[in-house]
Amino acid sequence: MSKKSFSDSTRDPNETTPATLTALTTQIIGFVREGTLDSRFAAKLVKRMKKEAEAILEADNATKSDWKELKKAFDTVDAVLREHDARLLVTANAALRASDDLPDIPTPR
């Protein structure tokens, strides 16, 4: 997808707004916290949304307060994704330790 040039004053009715990106990011945060959205998929969505935000920024189609809210949402989703991934790592390490604690069962020869 290419970045659009907004040199004319007409507005595309399908144009993404910072408020929409903020709302989507907030929904993703909730879904990841609830465990209803895979964190890897969420990270890919957020990466794509950040690219969209850059395109909006280049087109200068947002207010400072829009950007402040969007940045806050992006920072929050990044923290939630890191926290989720850390919990997965802790769980995996605990499972490995538990399997290491099992007694060795001799294999038949």
PDB file of N, CA and C in Angstrom:
ATOM      1  N   MET A   1       0.833  -1.165   0.000  1.00  0.00           N
ATOM      2  CA  MET A   1       0.000   0.000   0.000  1.00  0.00           C
ATOM      3  C   MET A   1       0.883   1.236   0.000  1.00  0.00           C
ATOM      4  N   SER A   2       0.580   2.129  -0.875  1.00  0.00           N
ATOM      5  CA  SER A   2       1.407   3.320  -0.962  1.00  0.00           C
ATOM      6  C   SER A   2       0.835   4.432  -0.099  1.00  0.00           C
ATOM      7  N   LYS A   3       1.695   5.344   0.247  1.00  0.00           N
ATOM      8  CA  LYS A   3       1.264   6.482   1.034  1.00  0.00           C
ATOM      9  C   LYS A   3       0.582   7.472   0.109  1.00  0.00           C
ATOM     10  N   LYS A   4      -0.534   8.008   0.557  1.00  0.00           N
ATOM     11  CA  LYS A   4      -1.323   8.913  -0.266  1.00  0.00           C
ATOM     12  C   LYS A   4      -0.792  10.331  -0.152  1.00  0.00           C
ATOM     13  N   SER A   5      -0.938  11.067  -1.223  1.00  0.00           N
ATOM     14  CA  SER A   5      -0.600  12.474  -1.213  1.00  0.00           C
ATOM     15  C   SER A   5      -1.893  13.264  -1.071  1.00  0.00           C
ATOM     16  N   PHE A   6      -1.946  14.149  -0.114  1.00  0.00           N
ATOM     17  CA  PHE A   6      -3.147  14.926   0.126  1.00  0.00           C
ATOM     18  C   PHE A   6      -2.902  16.390  -0.246  1.00  0.00           C
ATOM     19  N   SER A   7      -2.431  16.631  -1.452  1.00  0.00           N
ATOM     20  CA  SER A   7      -2.128  17.992  -1.846  1.00  0.00           C
ATOM     21  C   SER A   7      -3.393  18.802  -2.101  1.00  0.00           C
ATOM     22  N   ASP A   8      -4.485  18.123  -2.468  1.00  0.00           N
ATOM     23  CA  ASP A   8      -5.724  18.863  -2.663  1.00  0.00           C
ATOM     24  C   ASP A   8      -6.519  18.898  -1.359  1.00  0.00           C
ATOM     25  N   SER A   9      -7.539  19.730  -1.320  1.00  0.00           N
ATOM     26  CA  SER A   9      -8.282  19.906  -0.076  1.00  0.00           C
ATOM     27  C   SER A   9      -9.425  18.912   0.079  1.00  0.00           C
ATOM     28  N   THR A  10      -9.664  18.049  -0.898  1.00  0.00           N
ATOM     29  CA  THR A  10     -10.734  17.062  -0.760  1.00  0.00           C
ATOM     30  C   THR A  10     -10.283  15.951   0.160  1.00  0.00           C
ATOM     31  N   ARG A  11     -11.229  15.420   0.887  1.00  0.00           N
ATOM     32  CA  ARG A  11     -10.914  14.377   1.863  1.00  0.00           C
ATOM     33  C   ARG A  11     -11.538  13.073   1.400  1.00  0.00           C
ATOM     34  N   ASP A  12     -10.740  12.029   1.382  1.00  0.00           N
ATOM     35  CA  ASP A  12     -11.201  10.692   1.022  1.00  0.00           C
ATOM     36  C   ASP A  12     -12.119  10.193   2.134  1.00  0.00           C
ATOM     37  N   PRO A  13     -13.352   9.774   1.808  1.00  0.00           N
ATOM     38  CA  PRO A  13     -14.261   9.319   2.859  1.00  0.00           C
ATOM     39  C   PRO A  13     -13.792   8.038   3.551  1.00  0.00           C
ATOM     40  N   ASN A  14     -12.852   7.317   2.965  1.00  0.00           N
ATOM     41  CA  ASN A  14     -12.326   6.098   3.567  1.00  0.00           C
ATOM     42  C   ASN A  14     -10.982   6.323   4.242  1.00  0.00           C
ATOM     43  N   GLU A  15     -10.627   7.555   4.437  1.00  0.00           N
ATOM     44  CA  GLU A  15      -9.336   7.888   5.039  1.00  0.00           C
ATOM     45  C   GLU A  15      -9.323   7.529   6.524  1.00  0.00           C
ATOM     46  N   THR A  16      -8.236   6.920   6.956  1.00  0.00           N
ATOM     47  CA  THR A  16      -8.072   6.553   8.360  1.00  0.00           C
ATOM     48  C   THR A  16      -7.761   7.799   9.179  1.00  0.00           C
ATOM     49  N   THR A  17      -8.347   7.878  10.344  1.00  0.00           N
ATOM     50  CA  THR A  17      -8.106   9.020  11.226  1.00  0.00           C
ATOM     51  C   THR A  17      -7.332   8.562  12.463  1.00  0.00           C
ATOM     52  N   PRO A  18      -6.633   9.474  13.108  1.00  0.00           N
ATOM     53  CA  PRO A  18      -5.941   9.120  14.347  1.00  0.00           C
ATOM     54  C   PRO A  18      -6.900   8.592  15.414  1.00  0.00           C
ATOM     55  N   ALA A  19      -8.100   9.143  15.473  1.00  0.00           N
ATOM     56  CA  ALA A  19      -9.078   8.672  16.462  1.00  0.00           C
ATOM     57  C   ALA A  19      -9.448   7.213  16.211  1.00  0.00           C
ATOM     58  N   THR A  20      -9.562   6.843  14.941  1.00  0.00           N
ATOM     59  CA  THR A  20      -9.876   5.455  14.600  1.00  0.00           C
ATOM     60  C   THR A  20      -8.728   4.535  14.989  1.00  0.00           C
ATOM     61  N   LEU A  21      -7.499   4.947  14.703  1.00  0.00           N
ATOM     62  CA  LEU A  21      -6.339   4.141  15.089  1.00  0.00           C
ATOM     63  C   LEU A  21      -6.254   4.002  16.608  1.00  0.00           C
ATOM     64  N   THR A  22      -6.571   5.066  17.315  1.00  0.00           N
ATOM     65  CA  THR A  22      -6.566   5.012  18.777  1.00  0.00           C
ATOM     66  C   THR A  22      -7.614   4.020  19.277  1.00  0.00           C
ATOM     67  N   ALA A  23      -8.805   4.062  18.693  1.00  0.00           N
ATOM     68  CA  ALA A  23      -9.871   3.139  19.098  1.00  0.00           C
ATOM     69  C   ALA A  23      -9.489   1.690  18.798  1.00  0.00           C
ATOM     70  N   LEU A  24      -8.910   1.454  17.621  1.00  0.00           N
ATOM     71  CA  LEU A  24      -8.479   0.095  17.274  1.00  0.00           C
ATOM     72  C   LEU A  24      -7.392  -0.397  18.230  1.00  0.00           C
ATOM     73  N   THR A  25      -6.459   0.472  18.536  1.00  0.00           N
ATOM     74  CA  THR A  25      -5.375   0.110  19.450  1.00  0.00           C
ATOM     75  C   THR A  25      -5.928  -0.231  20.831  1.00  0.00           C
ATOM     76  N   THR A  26      -6.891   0.545  21.284  1.00  0.00           N
ATOM     77  CA  THR A  26      -7.517   0.281  22.577  1.00  0.00           C
ATOM     78  C   THR A  26      -8.218  -1.078  22.575  1.00  0.00           C
ATOM     79  N   GLN A  27      -8.884  -1.408  21.477  1.00  0.00           N
ATOM     80  CA  GLN A  27      -9.541  -2.716  21.371  1.00  0.00           C
ATOM     81  C   GLN A  27      -8.512  -3.845  21.401  1.00  0.00           C
ATOM     82  N   ILE A  28      -7.408  -3.658  20.691  1.00  0.00           N
ATOM     83  CA  ILE A  28      -6.348  -4.675  20.668  1.00  0.00           C
ATOM     84  C   ILE A  28      -5.796  -4.884  22.074  1.00  0.00           C
ATOM     85  N   ILE A  29      -5.605  -3.795  22.810  1.00  0.00           N
ATOM     86  CA  ILE A  29      -5.121  -3.896  24.190  1.00  0.00           C
ATOM     87  C   ILE A  29      -6.053  -4.792  25.003  1.00  0.00           C
ATOM     88  N   GLY A  30      -7.339  -4.544  24.897  1.00  0.00           N
ATOM     89  CA  GLY A  30      -8.311  -5.343  25.638  1.00  0.00           C
ATOM     90  C   GLY A  30      -8.300  -6.802  25.232  1.00  0.00           C
ATOM     91  N   PHE A  31      -8.222  -7.050  23.932  1.00  0.00           N
ATOM     92  CA  PHE A  31      -8.229  -8.429  23.444  1.00  0.00           C
ATOM     93  C   PHE A  31      -6.991  -9.198  23.904  1.00  0.00           C
ATOM     94  N   VAL A  32      -5.834  -8.550  23.890  1.00  0.00           N
ATOM     95  CA  VAL A  32      -4.604  -9.222  24.330  1.00  0.00           C
ATOM     96  C   VAL A  32      -4.676  -9.496  25.830  1.00  0.00           C
ATOM     97  N   ARG A  33      -5.149  -8.529  26.596  1.00  0.00           N
ATOM     98  CA  ARG A  33      -5.271  -8.725  28.050  1.00  0.00           C
ATOM     99  C   ARG A  33      -6.236  -9.861  28.384  1.00  0.00           C
ATOM    100  N   GLU A  34      -7.313  -9.981  27.592  1.00  0.00           N
ATOM    101  CA  GLU A  34      -8.301 -11.042  27.819  1.00  0.00           C
ATOM    102  C   GLU A  34      -7.823 -12.392  27.303  1.00  0.00           C
ATOM    103  N   GLY A  35      -6.794 -12.378  26.475  1.00  0.00           N
ATOM    104  CA  GLY A  35      -6.298 -13.615  25.891  1.00  0.00           C
ATOM    105  C   GLY A  35      -7.109 -14.073  24.695  1.00  0.00           C
ATOM    106  N   THR A  36      -7.888 -13.171  24.098  1.00  0.00           N
ATOM    107  CA  THR A  36      -8.718 -13.540  22.952  1.00  0.00           C
ATOM    108  C   THR A  36      -8.078 -13.187  21.615  1.00  0.00           C
ATOM    109  N   LEU A  37      -6.888 -12.594  21.655  1.00  0.00           N
ATOM    110  CA  LEU A  37      -6.163 -12.264  20.430  1.00  0.00           C
ATOM    111  C   LEU A  37      -4.708 -12.670  20.609  1.00  0.00           C
ATOM    112  N   ASP A  38      -4.202 -13.434  19.665  1.00  0.00           N
ATOM    113  CA  ASP A  38      -2.811 -13.886  19.700  1.00  0.00           C
ATOM    114  C   ASP A  38      -1.880 -12.675  19.704  1.00  0.00           C
ATOM    115  N   SER A  39      -0.905 -12.686  20.591  1.00  0.00           N
ATOM    116  CA  SER A  39      -0.014 -11.528  20.721  1.00  0.00           C
ATOM    117  C   SER A  39       0.837 -11.305  19.479  1.00  0.00           C
ATOM    118  N   ARG A  40       1.199 -12.376  18.780  1.00  0.00           N
ATOM    119  CA  ARG A  40       1.993 -12.200  17.554  1.00  0.00           C
ATOM    120  C   ARG A  40       1.161 -11.519  16.479  1.00  0.00           C
ATOM    121  N   PHE A  41      -0.105 -11.920  16.372  1.00  0.00           N
ATOM    122  CA  PHE A  41      -1.001 -11.286  15.410  1.00  0.00           C
ATOM    123  C   PHE A  41      -1.248  -9.830  15.800  1.00  0.00           C
ATOM    124  N   ALA A  42      -1.435  -9.587  17.093  1.00  0.00           N
ATOM    125  CA  ALA A  42      -1.645  -8.226  17.572  1.00  0.00           C
ATOM    126  C   ALA A  42      -0.437  -7.348  17.243  1.00  0.00           C
ATOM    127  N   ALA A  43       0.764  -7.886  17.417  1.00  0.00           N
ATOM    128  CA  ALA A  43       1.980  -7.124  17.115  1.00  0.00           C
ATOM    129  C   ALA A  43       2.036  -6.763  15.635  1.00  0.00           C
ATOM    130  N   LYS A  44       1.623  -7.685  14.774  1.00  0.00           N
ATOM    131  CA  LYS A  44       1.608  -7.398  13.335  1.00  0.00           C
ATOM    132  C   LYS A  44       0.576  -6.327  13.003  1.00  0.00           C
ATOM    133  N   LEU A  45      -0.591  -6.399  13.640  1.00  0.00           N
ATOM    134  CA  LEU A  45      -1.612  -5.372  13.423  1.00  0.00           C
ATOM    135  C   LEU A  45      -1.096  -4.001  13.856  1.00  0.00           C
ATOM    136  N   VAL A  46      -0.471  -3.956  15.019  1.00  0.00           N
ATOM    137  CA  VAL A  46       0.033  -2.686  15.544  1.00  0.00           C
ATOM    138  C   VAL A  46       1.131  -2.135  14.639  1.00  0.00           C
ATOM    139  N   LYS A  47       1.983  -2.998  14.134  1.00  0.00           N
ATOM    140  CA  LYS A  47       3.043  -2.553  13.219  1.00  0.00           C
ATOM    141  C   LYS A  47       2.421  -1.902  11.987  1.00  0.00           C
ATOM    142  N   ARG A  48       1.383  -2.525  11.436  1.00  0.00           N
ATOM    143  CA  ARG A  48       0.706  -1.969  10.260  1.00  0.00           C
ATOM    144  C   ARG A  48       0.010  -0.654  10.613  1.00  0.00           C
ATOM    145  N   MET A  49      -0.572  -0.597  11.801  1.00  0.00           N
ATOM    146  CA  MET A  49      -1.247   0.624  12.226  1.00  0.00           C
ATOM    147  C   MET A  49      -0.255   1.769  12.426  1.00  0.00           C
ATOM    148  N   LYS A  50       0.947   1.455  12.882  1.00  0.00           N
ATOM    149  CA  LYS A  50       1.969   2.493  13.038  1.00  0.00           C
ATOM    150  C   LYS A  50       2.388   3.047  11.678  1.00  0.00           C
ATOM    151  N   LYS A  51       2.438   2.187  10.671  1.00  0.00           N
ATOM    152  CA  LYS A  51       2.742   2.663   9.317  1.00  0.00           C
ATOM    153  C   LYS A  51       1.636   3.589   8.825  1.00  0.00           C
ATOM    154  N   GLU A  52       0.401   3.228   9.118  1.00  0.00           N
ATOM    155  CA  GLU A  52      -0.733   4.075   8.744  1.00  0.00           C
ATOM    156  C   GLU A  52      -0.653   5.413   9.470  1.00  0.00           C
ATOM    157  N   ALA A  53      -0.255   5.385  10.736  1.00  0.00           N
ATOM    158  CA  ALA A  53      -0.111   6.621  11.505  1.00  0.00           C
ATOM    159  C   ALA A  53       0.962   7.523  10.896  1.00  0.00           C
ATOM    160  N   GLU A  54       2.055   6.918  10.418  1.00  0.00           N
ATOM    161  CA  GLU A  54       3.105   7.697   9.758  1.00  0.00           C
ATOM    162  C   GLU A  54       2.570   8.376   8.506  1.00  0.00           C
ATOM    163  N   ALA A  55       1.742   7.670   7.743  1.00  0.00           N
ATOM    164  CA  ALA A  55       1.160   8.249   6.530  1.00  0.00           C
ATOM    165  C   ALA A  55       0.244   9.417   6.882  1.00  0.00           C
ATOM    166  N   ILE A  56      -0.507   9.276   7.952  1.00  0.00           N
ATOM    167  CA  ILE A  56      -1.387  10.362   8.390  1.00  0.00           C
ATOM    168  C   ILE A  56      -0.551  11.552   8.847  1.00  0.00           C
ATOM    169  N   LEU A  57       0.531  11.274   9.557  1.00  0.00           N
ATOM    170  CA  LEU A  57       1.413  12.333  10.039  1.00  0.00           C
ATOM    171  C   LEU A  57       2.019  13.104   8.869  1.00  0.00           C
ATOM    172  N   GLU A  58       2.457  12.375   7.846  1.00  0.00           N
ATOM    173  CA  GLU A  58       3.029  13.028   6.665  1.00  0.00           C
ATOM    174  C   GLU A  58       1.996  13.891   5.954  1.00  0.00           C
ATOM    175  N   ALA A  59       0.738  13.469   5.984  1.00  0.00           N
ATOM    176  CA  ALA A  59      -0.326  14.232   5.333  1.00  0.00           C
ATOM    177  C   ALA A  59      -0.785  15.402   6.199  1.00  0.00           C
ATOM    178  N   ASP A  60      -0.313  15.438   7.447  1.00  0.00           N
ATOM    179  CA  ASP A  60      -0.638  16.510   8.386  1.00  0.00           C
ATOM    180  C   ASP A  60      -2.147  16.651   8.575  1.00  0.00           C
ATOM    181  N   ASN A  61      -2.805  15.517   8.799  1.00  0.00           N
ATOM    182  CA  ASN A  61      -4.261  15.505   8.943  1.00  0.00           C
ATOM    183  C   ASN A  61      -4.719  15.227  10.370  1.00  0.00           C
ATOM    184  N   ALA A  62      -4.001  15.741  11.355  1.00  0.00           N
ATOM    185  CA  ALA A  62      -4.403  15.475  12.737  1.00  0.00           C
ATOM    186  C   ALA A  62      -3.953  16.605  13.652  1.00  0.00           C
ATOM    187  N   THR A  63      -4.612  16.683  14.780  1.00  0.00           N
ATOM    188  CA  THR A  63      -4.256  17.695  15.776  1.00  0.00           C
ATOM    189  C   THR A  63      -3.228  17.125  16.754  1.00  0.00           C
ATOM    190  N   LYS A  64      -2.636  18.004  17.533  1.00  0.00           N
ATOM    191  CA  LYS A  64      -1.657  17.554  18.532  1.00  0.00           C
ATOM    192  C   LYS A  64      -2.304  16.643  19.566  1.00  0.00           C
ATOM    193  N   SER A  65      -3.529  16.955  19.953  1.00  0.00           N
ATOM    194  CA  SER A  65      -4.196  16.105  20.951  1.00  0.00           C
ATOM    195  C   SER A  65      -4.495  14.722  20.375  1.00  0.00           C
ATOM    196  N   ASP A  66      -4.819  14.654  19.057  1.00  0.00           N
ATOM    197  CA  ASP A  66      -5.006  13.351  18.399  1.00  0.00           C
ATOM    198  C   ASP A  66      -3.733  12.527  18.502  1.00  0.00           C
ATOM    199  N   TRP A  67      -2.596  13.167  18.211  1.00  0.00           N
ATOM    200  CA  TRP A  67      -1.316  12.453  18.234  1.00  0.00           C
ATOM    201  C   TRP A  67      -0.925  12.043  19.639  1.00  0.00           C
ATOM    202  N   LYS A  68      -1.249  12.898  20.607  1.00  0.00           N
ATOM    203  CA  LYS A  68      -0.929  12.575  21.996  1.00  0.00           C
ATOM    204  C   LYS A  68      -1.690  11.322  22.433  1.00  0.00           C
ATOM    205  N   GLU A  69      -2.969  11.259  22.118  1.00  0.00           N
ATOM    206  CA  GLU A  69      -3.782  10.089  22.474  1.00  0.00           C
ATOM    207  C   GLU A  69      -3.314   8.840  21.733  1.00  0.00           C
ATOM    208  N   LEU A  70      -2.977   8.992  20.454  1.00  0.00           N
ATOM    209  CA  LEU A  70      -2.525   7.846  19.664  1.00  0.00           C
ATOM    210  C   LEU A  70      -1.191   7.326  20.186  1.00  0.00           C
ATOM    211  N   LYS A  71      -0.272   8.230  20.495  1.00  0.00           N
ATOM    212  CA  LYS A  71       1.022   7.801  21.030  1.00  0.00           C
ATOM    213  C   LYS A  71       0.838   7.080  22.363  1.00  0.00           C
ATOM    214  N   LYS A  72      -0.037   7.605  23.199  1.00  0.00           N
ATOM    215  CA  LYS A  72      -0.317   6.964  24.487  1.00  0.00           C
ATOM    216  C   LYS A  72      -0.872   5.555  24.264  1.00  0.00           C
ATOM    217  N   ALA A  73      -1.777   5.400  23.304  1.00  0.00           N
ATOM    218  CA  ALA A  73      -2.352   4.080  23.007  1.00  0.00           C
ATOM    219  C   ALA A  73      -1.286   3.131  22.475  1.00  0.00           C
ATOM    220  N   PHE A  74      -0.422   3.622  21.567  1.00  0.00           N
ATOM    221  CA  PHE A  74       0.652   2.776  21.033  1.00  0.00           C
ATOM    222  C   PHE A  74       1.625   2.364  22.142  1.00  0.00           C
ATOM    223  N   ASP A  75       1.968   3.296  23.032  1.00  0.00           N
ATOM    224  CA  ASP A  75       2.863   2.962  24.149  1.00  0.00           C
ATOM    225  C   ASP A  75       2.232   1.903  25.053  1.00  0.00           C
ATOM    226  N   THR A  76       0.936   2.045  25.293  1.00  0.00           N
ATOM    227  CA  THR A  76       0.237   1.081  26.148  1.00  0.00           C
ATOM    228  C   THR A  76       0.191  -0.291  25.506  1.00  0.00           C
ATOM    229  N   VAL A  77      -0.129  -0.355  24.215  1.00  0.00           N
ATOM    230  CA  VAL A  77      -0.209  -1.667  23.553  1.00  0.00           C
ATOM    231  C   VAL A  77       1.170  -2.312  23.501  1.00  0.00           C
ATOM    232  N   ASP A  78       2.215  -1.526  23.305  1.00  0.00           N
ATOM    233  CA  ASP A  78       3.572  -2.088  23.315  1.00  0.00           C
ATOM    234  C   ASP A  78       3.885  -2.698  24.684  1.00  0.00           C
ATOM    235  N   ALA A  79       3.512  -1.997  25.745  1.00  0.00           N
ATOM    236  CA  ALA A  79       3.753  -2.508  27.102  1.00  0.00           C
ATOM    237  C   ALA A  79       2.940  -3.773  27.365  1.00  0.00           C
ATOM    238  N   VAL A  80       1.696  -3.790  26.919  1.00  0.00           N
ATOM    239  CA  VAL A  80       0.841  -4.971  27.116  1.00  0.00           C
ATOM    240  C   VAL A  80       1.403  -6.169  26.362  1.00  0.00           C
ATOM    241  N   LEU A  81       1.881  -5.946  25.144  1.00  0.00           N
ATOM    242  CA  LEU A  81       2.458  -7.047  24.364  1.00  0.00           C
ATOM    243  C   LEU A  81       3.734  -7.572  25.017  1.00  0.00           C
ATOM    244  N   ARG A  82       4.592  -6.675  25.512  1.00  0.00           N
ATOM    245  CA  ARG A  82       5.811  -7.117  26.211  1.00  0.00           C
ATOM    246  C   ARG A  82       5.453  -7.907  27.464  1.00  0.00           C
ATOM    247  N   GLU A  83       4.474  -7.418  28.210  1.00  0.00           N
ATOM    248  CA  GLU A  83       4.040  -8.100  29.432  1.00  0.00           C
ATOM    249  C   GLU A  83       3.481  -9.489  29.108  1.00  0.00           C
ATOM    250  N   HIS A  84       2.693  -9.580  28.059  1.00  0.00           N
ATOM    251  CA  HIS A  84       2.119 -10.870  27.657  1.00  0.00           C
ATOM    252  C   HIS A  84       3.221 -11.839  27.246  1.00  0.00           C
ATOM    253  N   ASP A  85       4.167 -11.353  26.444  1.00  0.00           N
ATOM    254  CA  ASP A  85       5.274 -12.209  26.013  1.00  0.00           C
ATOM    255  C   ASP A  85       6.133 -12.648  27.200  1.00  0.00           C
ATOM    256  N   ALA A  86       6.317 -11.761  28.168  1.00  0.00           N
ATOM    257  CA  ALA A  86       7.091 -12.120  29.369  1.00  0.00           C
ATOM    258  C   ALA A  86       6.382 -13.219  30.153  1.00  0.00           C
ATOM    259  N   ARG A  87       5.058 -13.113  30.268  1.00  0.00           N
ATOM    260  CA  ARG A  87       4.304 -14.169  30.966  1.00  0.00           C
ATOM    261  C   ARG A  87       4.432 -15.499  30.238  1.00  0.00           C
ATOM    262  N   LEU A  88       4.399 -15.466  28.902  1.00  0.00           N
ATOM    263  CA  LEU A  88       4.568 -16.702  28.133  1.00  0.00           C
ATOM    264  C   LEU A  88       5.940 -17.313  28.389  1.00  0.00           C
ATOM    265  N   LEU A  89       6.967 -16.470  28.463  1.00  0.00           N
ATOM    266  CA  LEU A  89       8.324 -16.948  28.721  1.00  0.00           C
ATOM    267  C   LEU A  89       8.434 -17.567  30.114  1.00  0.00           C
ATOM    268  N   VAL A  90       7.846 -16.921  31.096  1.00  0.00           N
ATOM    269  CA  VAL A  90       7.867 -17.453  32.463  1.00  0.00           C
ATOM    270  C   VAL A  90       7.152 -18.798  32.513  1.00  0.00           C
ATOM    271  N   THR A  91       6.025 -18.906  31.839  1.00  0.00           N
ATOM    272  CA  THR A  91       5.272 -20.163  31.809  1.00  0.00           C
ATOM    273  C   THR A  91       6.082 -21.264  31.139  1.00  0.00           C
ATOM    274  N   ALA A  92       6.732 -20.930  30.029  1.00  0.00           N
ATOM    275  CA  ALA A  92       7.550 -21.922  29.323  1.00  0.00           C
ATOM    276  C   ALA A  92       8.728 -22.375  30.190  1.00  0.00           C
ATOM    277  N   ASN A  93       9.372 -21.431  30.869  1.00  0.00           N
ATOM    278  CA  ASN A  93      10.485 -21.791  31.761  1.00  0.00           C
ATOM    279  C   ASN A  93      10.017 -22.679  32.907  1.00  0.00           C
ATOM    280  N   ALA A  94       8.858 -22.378  33.464  1.00  0.00           N
ATOM    281  CA  ALA A  94       8.320 -23.202  34.554  1.00  0.00           C
ATOM    282  C   ALA A  94       8.023 -24.613  34.061  1.00  0.00           C
ATOM    283  N   ALA A  95       7.503 -24.730  32.854  1.00  0.00           N
ATOM    284  CA  ALA A  95       7.218 -26.050  32.291  1.00  0.00           C
ATOM    285  C   ALA A  95       8.510 -26.828  32.065  1.00  0.00           C
ATOM    286  N   LEU A  96       9.551 -26.148  31.609  1.00  0.00           N
ATOM    287  CA  LEU A  96      10.845 -26.815  31.417  1.00  0.00           C
ATOM    288  C   LEU A  96      11.425 -27.282  32.748  1.00  0.00           C
ATOM    289  N   ARG A  97      11.346 -26.432  33.768  1.00  0.00           N
ATOM    290  CA  ARG A  97      11.851 -26.820  35.082  1.00  0.00           C
ATOM    291  C   ARG A  97      11.071 -28.004  35.640  1.00  0.00           C
ATOM    292  N   ALA A  98       9.776 -28.001  35.429  1.00  0.00           N
ATOM    293  CA  ALA A  98       8.947 -29.107  35.922  1.00  0.00           C
ATOM    294  C   ALA A  98       9.312 -30.406  35.219  1.00  0.00           C
ATOM    295  N   SER A  99       9.599 -30.319  33.921  1.00  0.00           N
ATOM    296  CA  SER A  99       9.972 -31.541  33.200  1.00  0.00           C
ATOM    297  C   SER A  99      11.374 -32.001  33.601  1.00  0.00           C
ATOM    298  N   ASP A 100      12.243 -31.075  33.985  1.00  0.00           N
ATOM    299  CA  ASP A 100      13.581 -31.448  34.458  1.00  0.00           C
ATOM    300  C   ASP A 100      13.524 -32.119  35.831  1.00  0.00           C
ATOM    301  N   ASP A 101      12.512 -31.793  36.620  1.00  0.00           N
ATOM    302  CA  ASP A 101      12.376 -32.358  37.962  1.00  0.00           C
ATOM    303  C   ASP A 101      11.795 -33.766  37.961  1.00  0.00           C
ATOM    304  N   LEU A 102      11.252 -34.209  36.853  1.00  0.00           N
ATOM    305  CA  LEU A 102      10.694 -35.560  36.786  1.00  0.00           C
ATOM    306  C   LEU A 102      11.816 -36.581  36.885  1.00  0.00           C
ATOM    307  N   PRO A 103      11.561 -37.691  37.574  1.00  0.00           N
ATOM    308  CA  PRO A 103      12.614 -38.714  37.677  1.00  0.00           C
ATOM    309  C   PRO A 103      12.854 -39.362  36.317  1.00  0.00           C
ATOM    310  N   ASP A 104      14.103 -39.730  36.125  1.00  0.00           N
ATOM    311  CA  ASP A 104      14.446 -40.404  34.872  1.00  0.00           C
ATOM    312  C   ASP A 104      13.825 -41.795  34.866  1.00  0.00           C
ATOM    313  N   ILE A 105      13.147 -42.096  33.797  1.00  0.00           N
ATOM    314  CA  ILE A 105      12.549 -43.419  33.637  1.00  0.00           C
ATOM    315  C   ILE A 105      13.468 -44.207  32.716  1.00  0.00           C
ATOM    316  N   PRO A 106      13.941 -45.349  33.192  1.00  0.00           N
ATOM    317  CA  PRO A 106      14.848 -46.122  32.332  1.00  0.00           C
ATOM    318  C   PRO A 106      14.112 -46.600  31.082  1.00  0.00           C
ATOM    319  N   THR A 107      14.812 -46.513  29.992  1.00  0.00           N
ATOM    320  CA  THR A 107      14.226 -46.978  28.733  1.00  0.00           C
ATOM    321  C   THR A 107      14.513 -48.458  28.563  1.00  0.00           C
ATOM    322  N   PRO A 108      13.535 -49.218  28.093  1.00  0.00           N
ATOM    323  CA  PRO A 108      13.766 -50.657  27.893  1.00  0.00           C
ATOM    324  C   PRO A 108      14.779 -50.888  26.786  1.00  0.00           C
ATOM    325  N   ARG A 109      15.565 -51.935  26.963  1.00  0.00           N
ATOM    326  CA  ARG A 109      16.587 -52.256  25.960  1.00  0.00           C
ATOM    327  C   ARG A 109      16.229 -53.479  25.211  1.00  0.00           C
TER     328      ARG A 109
END
